[in-house]
Every structure is written in C-alpha cells, then in structure tokens.
Amino acid sequence: MTIPFVDLKTQYQALKPQIHERINRVLEHGQYIMGPEVQELEEKLAAYTGAKHCITVASGTEALLISLMALGIKPGDEVITTPFTFVATAEVIVLLGAKPVFVDIEPDTCNINASKIEEKITSKTKAIMPVSLYGQPADMDEINAIAARNGNIPVIEDAAQSFGAEYKGMKSSNLSTIGCTSFFPSKPLGCYGDGGAIFTNDDLIAQACKEIRVHGQSARYVHTRVGVGGRMDTLQCAIVLAKLERFDWEIEQRIKIGQRYTQMFLSSGASNTLAFAPVKIRPVRTSVYAQYTLICPDRAAIQSKLKQANIPTAIHYPVPLNEQAAYRQLCCPDCTPIASRIAKQVISLPMAPDLTVSQQEAIVACLTQ
C-alpha cells in the first residue's frame, strides 16, 4: 500500500472538471494579472471568514510582509512572535529592519504561550504575530486582550496552516487586526503554485495592503507609498475558486481523520508503549490538521518504524528560529526551552482529506507492532 504524505492527486481527480473549466475560462479571456477571478475569490473568501476585506497576494510570505508594511513597521521596531514556525514568520520582520522577539510555546499545542507574551512587551513593540500552528488557532482572545491593554498593539494571525479552522465559533484569519494565510499547494486550501491572502476589518489597513501589493500604487503610475510586486495571479485564483467547491467537505474530513488518528492510537495502546502524544486540540478550537503531529520523546524510534514500512513522515520544525544561524544573534538562543525540546520530538504523519481508513489503520498498525 502506497500512502502519500499529502495526497494532491486524488483531490485533483475529484475536482478535475471544475479545475479545467476555471483554467480554460482564464485562458479564453486572457486577463492573467488582476483578472475577474481575483475579485471573485476575494469576495468569496471574505464571506467565508466573515472579514470585511480580503486582499489576495503572491504568497503567504508576501501576506505577512505586506501586512507589516501596512502597519508601518520600520527599523528598530519589535514584533513579538514564536520561534517554532516556518522561517517566513520571522524573515519578514527582519527584512523590514525590525527585530523578532521570540516567546516560548505551550508544550502540548506547540502554539505560542500567551501567558508569556506580556513580559516581552516594551515601548518598541509594534505588533504581535502569533502562528496558528498545525491548523489550530492560538489563544487569540488572550493575545488580543494583552494587545489591547498595552496600547492597542496590532495583532497579526499567521494563519498559513489554519484556514478553515475556528476559535470560539469564529473563523481563523478573522480573529485579530489582520489575518494572513497561504495557498501553498500542501495547505488545507491550496493552489498549484504560490498564493496567499490578507484579511482585515480595518478599511485603512485594507487600502494600504491593496496599494502595497501593486508597487504602492493608488492609481496607475501614481505611487503613494513604497510597495512590492505582490499580486496573486488570476490562474491561481481560478484554481482556488474550483477547490472552494469541495472545501467544506474537506475540512469535515480532515477533522474526522485527525480525531480518528487520536482515537486509534488511544485504543491500540501505541501511545503508551512508545510514549508519544498527539498535539492537543483545545476545547474551544478546531484544527484543520494541516499536519497531524505527534510529540515523541524517542522520535528516532517512531521514525525508524514508519520508514521501514515506507510510510512518509515530516518534521515541522527541527530547529527553532532563534537557534538558526540567521536569527540567533537577534534573540538569546536558550530563552525558549520548550520550543528547543519540542523541536527534537515532533513528527508529522500523512494527512489529507482523502486519506482512507485502511491507510490510517496501516499507519497505526506500524506503530503497534
């Protein structure tokens, strides 16, 4: 039995007519940049999240960068974030000359520990950027409350992995000042290249983001601010529009599959034998399981078992950002001990909405033998 880590082929087969129809429509009208599908997708994504504005952009990284630029982040400013994330989260802060201030994570969810944020706030703190890791939002109410009582600091949710998840009944990407997501192919809602989106209820921030993504233009060849080439192209928007038709079903399946994994491990006793635990999902949150991740004191043993059975795995993330060569001088490398420990213990299993029960049984059986 072949088990892909992320099964995009089965998804494509299920959506092939819709995807081809959408692509052909773009090829016929020929508006490859800022074509009608861009606005259509923005309207549908805004309605899905409940946010007032959606601005599509070239990638999840561009979404974060443009959001920081819209807030006026400049050299010398500080942005509080987590070290346990993909590098783009800190990368965009440093590119603007600002400093990432890393806060340690919760040992069970792997999300930023909201209770440790306030002690890191200074007069230079200009934004807080939590990451909704593995598909589960961070404790956004607490983070927003901390931001509010410290001078209404803007909060940017890095929701690259959590589009479709909920926090207390509200959609990820519409939980704070700004929400940013990614449509990288392996994300819960992905295109066939790079793409991303920014969400906000603030009119001024939305206008700034729209201008920044087209080189700072408020009108053609009228540059009112410094910008970037950050547009999401029409073909990629068309692909996401096709995938939206199945997205609600896919989210339901991801949640079922994630919960089934956990129940199967509990029933089999494998978690007790190999001393691992799935990443915890808080009661007031849902996860879209961008990854189904285990925390394992002996990761090598589990990795070896799965490799022998030709079951693919991945590690998100093996080294915290404040221990990476490019970033360790910006923050003490030993000030986030939980992130340092967890980075040596996490391992992600195959996850896709089309993952079958028999495939899951084979994965679990591998860890019980």
Protein backbone atom coordinates (compact mmCIF):
# COMPACT_ATOMS: atom_id res chain seq x y z
CA MET A 1 0.00 0.00 0.00
CA THR A 2 1.39 3.39 -1.05
CA ILE A 3 0.49 6.21 1.32
CA PRO A 4 1.33 9.75 0.18
CA PHE A 5 2.19 12.32 2.81
CA VAL A 6 -0.11 14.88 1.14
CA ASP A 7 -2.48 13.47 -1.48
CA LEU A 8 -2.99 16.18 -4.09
CA LYS A 9 -3.52 13.70 -6.94
CA THR A 10 -6.73 12.24 -5.55
CA GLN A 11 -8.04 15.72 -4.83
CA TYR A 12 -7.25 16.78 -8.41
CA GLN A 13 -9.10 13.80 -9.86
CA ALA A 14 -12.17 14.67 -7.80
CA LEU A 15 -12.11 18.28 -8.99
CA LYS A 16 -10.66 17.83 -12.49
CA PRO A 17 -13.67 19.12 -14.49
CA GLN A 18 -14.09 22.21 -12.29
CA ILE A 19 -10.37 22.98 -12.30
CA HIS A 20 -10.07 22.65 -16.08
CA GLU A 21 -13.19 24.75 -16.63
CA ARG A 22 -11.82 27.50 -14.40
CA ILE A 23 -8.38 27.47 -16.03
CA ASN A 24 -9.83 27.46 -19.55
CA ARG A 25 -12.01 30.45 -18.70
CA VAL A 26 -8.89 32.41 -17.78
CA LEU A 27 -7.09 31.26 -20.93
CA GLU A 28 -10.03 32.45 -23.01
CA HIS A 29 -10.31 35.94 -21.51
CA GLY A 30 -6.54 36.34 -21.16
CA GLN A 31 -6.53 38.61 -18.10
CA TYR A 32 -3.70 36.80 -16.31
CA ILE A 33 -2.98 39.61 -13.86
CA MET A 34 -5.83 41.03 -11.73
CA GLY A 35 -8.46 39.29 -13.86
CA PRO A 36 -12.09 38.89 -12.73
CA GLU A 37 -11.31 35.70 -10.77
CA VAL A 38 -9.16 37.73 -8.37
CA GLN A 39 -12.07 39.86 -7.19
CA GLU A 40 -14.42 36.87 -7.21
CA LEU A 41 -12.08 34.90 -4.96
CA GLU A 42 -11.58 37.85 -2.61
CA GLU A 43 -15.32 38.29 -2.22
CA LYS A 44 -15.88 34.59 -1.55
CA LEU A 45 -13.01 34.30 0.94
CA ALA A 46 -14.15 37.40 2.81
CA ALA A 47 -17.65 35.96 3.05
CA TYR A 48 -16.24 32.61 4.21
CA THR A 49 -14.23 34.12 7.07
CA GLY A 50 -16.67 36.91 7.92
CA ALA A 51 -13.93 39.51 7.44
CA LYS A 52 -14.83 42.80 5.76
CA HIS A 53 -11.83 42.75 3.43
CA CYS A 54 -9.77 40.07 1.67
CA ILE A 55 -6.72 41.02 -0.36
CA THR A 56 -5.13 38.20 -2.34
CA VAL A 57 -1.35 38.28 -2.64
CA ALA A 58 1.51 36.33 -4.20
CA SER A 59 2.22 34.04 -1.22
CA GLY A 60 1.75 33.58 2.49
CA THR A 61 5.12 35.25 2.98
CA GLU A 62 4.01 38.29 0.97
CA ALA A 63 0.83 38.40 3.06
CA LEU A 64 2.90 38.76 6.23
CA LEU A 65 5.32 41.25 4.67
CA ILE A 66 2.61 43.46 3.19
CA SER A 67 0.68 43.41 6.48
CA LEU A 68 3.73 44.59 8.42
CA MET A 69 4.36 47.28 5.81
CA ALA A 70 0.73 48.42 6.06
CA LEU A 71 1.20 48.82 9.82
CA GLY A 72 4.30 50.95 9.21
CA ILE A 73 6.77 48.56 10.83
CA LYS A 74 10.24 50.10 10.49
CA PRO A 75 13.85 49.56 11.58
CA GLY A 76 14.19 49.43 15.36
CA ASP A 77 10.63 48.22 15.96
CA GLU A 78 9.94 44.93 17.72
CA VAL A 79 7.44 42.26 16.73
CA ILE A 80 6.60 39.53 19.23
CA THR A 81 6.24 36.06 17.71
CA THR A 82 7.04 32.38 18.17
CA PRO A 83 10.33 30.66 17.32
CA PHE A 84 8.50 27.42 16.50
CA THR A 85 7.27 28.14 12.99
CA PHE A 86 8.34 28.29 9.36
CA VAL A 87 11.07 30.85 8.78
CA ALA A 88 8.83 33.25 6.83
CA THR A 89 7.22 34.44 10.08
CA ALA A 90 10.48 35.94 11.36
CA GLU A 91 12.01 36.56 7.94
CA VAL A 92 9.57 39.32 7.01
CA ILE A 93 10.18 41.11 10.31
CA VAL A 94 13.94 41.16 9.75
CA LEU A 95 13.56 42.22 6.11
CA LEU A 96 11.92 45.43 7.33
CA GLY A 97 14.77 46.08 9.76
CA ALA A 98 12.64 45.23 12.79
CA LYS A 99 13.51 42.73 15.49
CA PRO A 100 11.61 39.49 16.16
CA VAL A 101 11.12 38.93 19.89
CA PHE A 102 10.58 35.23 20.46
CA VAL A 103 8.17 33.90 23.10
CA ASP A 104 8.22 30.26 24.14
CA ILE A 105 5.45 27.81 23.23
CA GLU A 106 2.91 25.65 25.01
CA PRO A 107 4.27 22.09 25.40
CA ASP A 108 1.03 20.41 24.33
CA THR A 109 -0.34 22.58 21.49
CA CYS A 110 3.06 23.90 20.25
CA ASN A 111 1.43 27.31 19.79
CA ILE A 112 2.84 30.50 21.33
CA ASN A 113 2.28 30.64 25.10
CA ALA A 114 0.03 33.66 25.53
CA SER A 115 0.82 33.89 29.26
CA LYS A 116 4.45 34.72 28.42
CA ILE A 117 3.78 37.49 25.89
CA GLU A 118 3.18 40.44 28.20
CA GLU A 119 6.58 40.23 29.88
CA LYS A 120 8.23 40.69 26.46
CA ILE A 121 6.36 43.88 25.57
CA THR A 122 8.43 47.08 25.51
CA SER A 123 7.96 50.61 24.17
CA LYS A 124 9.34 49.29 20.87
CA THR A 125 6.70 46.58 20.46
CA LYS A 126 4.66 47.49 17.38
CA ALA A 127 2.93 44.18 16.59
CA ILE A 128 2.26 40.69 17.94
CA MET A 129 2.30 37.84 15.43
CA PRO A 130 1.02 34.50 16.77
CA VAL A 131 1.06 31.47 14.48
CA SER A 132 -1.89 29.09 14.25
CA LEU A 133 0.36 26.05 14.09
CA TYR A 134 -0.54 22.69 12.57
CA GLY A 135 -4.02 24.01 11.76
CA GLN A 136 -5.15 25.12 15.25
CA PRO A 137 -5.51 28.80 16.23
CA ALA A 138 -3.51 30.09 19.16
CA ASP A 139 -5.25 31.56 22.23
CA MET A 140 -6.40 34.61 20.28
CA ASP A 141 -8.75 36.11 22.89
CA GLU A 142 -5.97 36.26 25.46
CA ILE A 143 -3.48 37.60 22.92
CA ASN A 144 -5.93 40.28 21.76
CA ALA A 145 -6.62 41.24 25.38
CA ILE A 146 -2.89 41.61 26.10
CA ALA A 147 -2.51 43.76 22.99
CA ALA A 148 -5.48 45.93 23.96
CA ARG A 149 -4.28 46.69 27.48
CA ASN A 150 -0.80 47.58 26.23
CA GLY A 151 -1.78 50.39 23.90
CA ASN A 152 -3.85 48.52 21.31
CA ILE A 153 -0.89 46.79 19.71
CA PRO A 154 -1.93 45.34 16.32
CA VAL A 155 -2.17 41.54 16.21
CA ILE A 156 -1.40 39.63 13.00
CA GLU A 157 -2.54 36.00 12.98
CA ASP A 158 -0.19 33.94 10.83
CA ALA A 159 -2.89 31.55 9.66
CA ALA A 160 -0.87 29.93 6.89
CA GLN A 161 -1.76 26.47 8.23
CA SER A 162 -5.20 27.08 9.71
CA PHE A 163 -7.54 28.44 7.04
CA GLY A 164 -10.94 26.88 7.75
CA ALA A 165 -10.31 26.33 11.47
CA GLU A 166 -12.41 28.00 14.16
CA TYR A 167 -11.79 29.67 17.50
CA LYS A 168 -14.90 30.07 19.67
CA GLY A 169 -17.06 29.87 16.56
CA MET A 170 -15.11 32.44 14.54
CA LYS A 171 -13.00 31.60 11.51
CA SER A 172 -9.23 31.69 11.60
CA SER A 173 -7.93 34.70 9.63
CA ASN A 174 -10.70 36.85 11.16
CA LEU A 175 -9.61 36.70 14.79
CA SER A 176 -7.46 39.84 15.13
CA THR A 177 -6.39 43.09 13.49
CA ILE A 178 -5.07 41.21 10.47
CA GLY A 179 -5.10 37.57 9.41
CA CYS A 180 -2.73 36.12 6.82
CA THR A 181 -2.97 32.78 5.08
CA SER A 182 -1.13 30.78 2.42
CA PHE A 183 -2.37 28.84 -0.59
CA PHE A 184 0.84 26.85 -0.99
CA PRO A 185 -0.22 23.54 -2.61
CA SER A 186 0.02 21.44 0.57
CA LYS A 187 -2.04 23.84 2.71
CA PRO A 188 -5.64 22.94 3.63
CA LEU A 189 -6.80 25.27 0.81
CA GLY A 190 -4.02 25.32 -1.77
CA CYS A 191 -3.41 26.44 -5.33
CA TYR A 192 -0.93 24.95 -7.83
CA GLY A 193 1.90 27.36 -7.10
CA ASP A 194 2.26 30.21 -4.65
CA GLY A 195 -0.57 32.35 -3.36
CA GLY A 196 -1.89 33.91 -0.19
CA ALA A 197 -4.39 36.32 1.29
CA ILE A 198 -4.74 39.07 3.88
CA PHE A 199 -7.94 39.59 5.89
CA THR A 200 -8.93 42.63 7.94
CA ASN A 201 -11.95 44.62 9.08
CA ASP A 202 -9.96 47.88 9.04
CA ASP A 203 -10.62 49.99 5.93
CA LEU A 204 -7.34 51.89 6.12
CA ILE A 205 -5.24 48.75 6.53
CA ALA A 206 -7.09 47.11 3.63
CA GLN A 207 -6.44 50.09 1.37
CA ALA A 208 -2.77 50.14 2.33
CA CYS A 209 -2.44 46.41 1.57
CA LYS A 210 -4.13 46.81 -1.81
CA GLU A 211 -1.73 49.60 -2.76
CA ILE A 212 1.40 47.91 -1.40
CA ARG A 213 0.76 44.69 -3.38
CA VAL A 214 0.88 46.70 -6.67
CA HIS A 215 4.10 48.63 -6.03
CA GLY A 216 2.44 51.19 -3.79
CA GLN A 217 0.07 52.47 -6.47
CA SER A 218 -3.14 54.26 -5.56
CA ALA A 219 -3.80 54.70 -9.30
CA ARG A 220 -1.88 53.66 -12.40
CA TYR A 221 1.62 55.14 -12.14
CA VAL A 222 0.64 57.08 -9.01
CA HIS A 223 2.84 55.72 -6.23
CA THR A 224 1.66 56.96 -2.84
CA ARG A 225 3.73 54.55 -0.77
CA VAL A 226 6.58 52.07 -1.10
CA GLY A 227 5.27 48.71 -2.28
CA VAL A 228 6.16 45.34 -3.75
CA GLY A 229 5.11 43.15 -6.67
CA GLY A 230 2.80 41.05 -4.55
CA ARG A 231 -0.23 40.14 -6.66
CA MET A 232 -1.74 36.67 -6.80
CA ASP A 233 -2.15 35.76 -10.45
CA THR A 234 -5.52 35.05 -12.00
CA LEU A 235 -4.83 31.39 -12.82
CA GLN A 236 -4.01 30.59 -9.20
CA CYS A 237 -7.15 32.38 -8.04
CA ALA A 238 -9.16 30.32 -10.53
CA ILE A 239 -7.74 27.10 -9.08
CA VAL A 240 -8.62 28.11 -5.52
CA LEU A 241 -12.14 29.00 -6.67
CA ALA A 242 -12.52 25.48 -8.05
CA LYS A 243 -11.20 23.96 -4.83
CA LEU A 244 -13.59 26.03 -2.71
CA GLU A 245 -16.45 23.90 -4.06
CA ARG A 246 -15.17 20.91 -2.05
CA PHE A 247 -13.54 22.79 0.81
CA ASP A 248 -16.27 22.41 3.47
CA TRP A 249 -16.30 18.65 2.88
CA GLU A 250 -12.52 18.53 3.05
CA ILE A 251 -12.48 20.37 6.39
CA GLU A 252 -15.03 17.91 7.79
CA GLN A 253 -12.88 15.02 6.58
CA ARG A 254 -9.67 16.49 8.00
CA ILE A 255 -11.30 16.84 11.41
CA LYS A 256 -12.72 13.30 11.26
CA ILE A 257 -9.36 11.87 10.19
CA GLY A 258 -7.46 13.78 12.85
CA GLN A 259 -9.86 12.65 15.56
CA ARG A 260 -9.77 9.08 14.22
CA TYR A 261 -5.97 9.04 14.40
CA THR A 262 -6.11 10.09 18.04
CA GLN A 263 -8.80 7.55 18.93
CA MET A 264 -6.99 4.74 17.13
CA PHE A 265 -3.77 5.48 18.99
CA LEU A 266 -5.61 5.56 22.30
CA SER A 267 -7.43 2.28 21.56
CA SER A 268 -4.30 0.49 20.36
CA GLY A 269 -2.18 1.50 23.32
CA ALA A 270 0.60 2.53 20.97
CA SER A 271 0.90 5.92 22.61
CA ASN A 272 1.54 4.29 25.97
CA THR A 273 4.04 1.79 24.56
CA LEU A 274 6.05 4.33 22.56
CA ALA A 275 5.37 7.22 24.95
CA PHE A 276 4.05 9.70 22.39
CA ALA A 277 1.11 12.10 22.49
CA PRO A 278 -0.76 13.84 19.68
CA VAL A 279 -0.63 17.65 19.69
CA LYS A 280 -3.52 18.72 21.92
CA ILE A 281 -6.58 20.44 20.47
CA ARG A 282 -8.18 22.89 22.89
CA PRO A 283 -11.96 22.54 23.53
CA VAL A 284 -12.88 25.99 22.14
CA ARG A 285 -10.91 25.47 18.94
CA THR A 286 -10.99 23.28 15.87
CA SER A 287 -7.96 22.19 13.89
CA VAL A 288 -7.87 21.65 10.14
CA TYR A 289 -4.84 19.42 10.68
CA ALA A 290 -2.51 20.97 8.14
CA GLN A 291 -0.30 18.36 9.77
CA TYR A 292 -1.22 15.57 12.18
CA THR A 293 1.66 15.79 14.62
CA LEU A 294 2.90 13.58 17.44
CA ILE A 295 5.18 14.65 20.28
CA CYS A 296 7.62 11.79 20.91
CA PRO A 297 10.46 11.64 23.45
CA ASP A 298 12.06 8.98 21.22
CA ARG A 299 11.32 10.34 17.77
CA ALA A 300 14.03 8.26 16.12
CA ALA A 301 12.32 5.01 17.10
CA ILE A 302 8.99 6.06 15.64
CA GLN A 303 10.61 7.50 12.53
CA SER A 304 12.51 4.25 12.00
CA LYS A 305 9.38 2.09 12.34
CA LEU A 306 7.48 4.18 9.81
CA LYS A 307 10.39 4.36 7.39
CA GLN A 308 10.74 0.58 7.36
CA ALA A 309 7.08 0.38 6.35
CA ASN A 310 7.58 3.02 3.61
CA ILE A 311 5.27 5.43 5.40
CA PRO A 312 6.36 9.04 4.82
CA THR A 313 6.79 11.48 7.69
CA ALA A 314 7.94 15.07 8.11
CA ILE A 315 9.32 17.23 10.89
CA HIS A 316 7.80 20.67 11.39
CA TYR A 317 10.15 22.15 12.68
CA PRO A 318 13.53 20.59 13.56
CA VAL A 319 15.28 23.76 14.77
CA PRO A 320 13.61 26.78 16.42
CA LEU A 321 14.25 30.05 14.60
CA ASN A 322 16.22 31.61 17.46
CA GLU A 323 18.68 28.70 17.17
CA GLN A 324 19.14 29.19 13.42
CA ALA A 325 22.34 30.85 12.20
CA ALA A 326 20.50 33.72 10.53
CA TYR A 327 18.49 34.64 13.63
CA ARG A 328 20.31 33.54 16.78
CA GLN A 329 22.03 36.93 17.19
CA LEU A 330 18.60 38.63 17.35
CA CYS A 331 17.45 36.76 20.45
CA CYS A 332 19.02 34.56 23.07
CA PRO A 333 19.07 31.02 21.63
CA ASP A 334 18.34 29.44 25.01
CA CYS A 335 15.40 31.62 26.14
CA THR A 336 12.74 29.31 24.71
CA PRO A 337 13.48 25.92 26.31
CA ILE A 338 10.09 24.36 25.49
CA ALA A 339 10.48 25.13 21.78
CA SER A 340 14.00 23.75 21.87
CA ARG A 341 12.80 20.47 23.42
CA ILE A 342 9.69 20.10 21.25
CA ALA A 343 11.72 20.64 18.06
CA LYS A 344 13.55 17.40 18.86
CA GLN A 345 10.33 15.47 19.47
CA VAL A 346 7.70 16.35 16.85
CA ILE A 347 6.91 14.18 13.86
CA SER A 348 4.01 14.56 11.41
CA LEU A 349 2.09 11.69 9.81
CA PRO A 350 0.32 11.51 6.44
CA MET A 351 -2.76 13.75 6.39
CA ALA A 352 -5.17 14.56 3.59
CA PRO A 353 -8.96 14.71 3.28
CA ASP A 354 -8.84 11.61 1.05
CA LEU A 355 -6.78 9.51 3.47
CA THR A 356 -8.68 6.24 3.85
CA VAL A 357 -9.48 4.29 6.99
CA SER A 358 -7.37 1.39 5.73
CA GLN A 359 -4.40 3.71 5.20
CA GLN A 360 -4.79 5.04 8.72
CA GLU A 361 -5.04 1.50 10.09
CA ALA A 362 -1.80 0.61 8.33
CA ILE A 363 -0.04 3.62 9.87
CA VAL A 364 -1.30 2.87 13.37
CA ALA A 365 -0.54 -0.84 13.00
CA CYS A 366 3.03 0.01 12.09
CA LEU A 367 3.43 1.71 15.44
CA THR A 368 1.85 -1.12 17.42
CA GLN A 369 3.95 -3.97 16.04
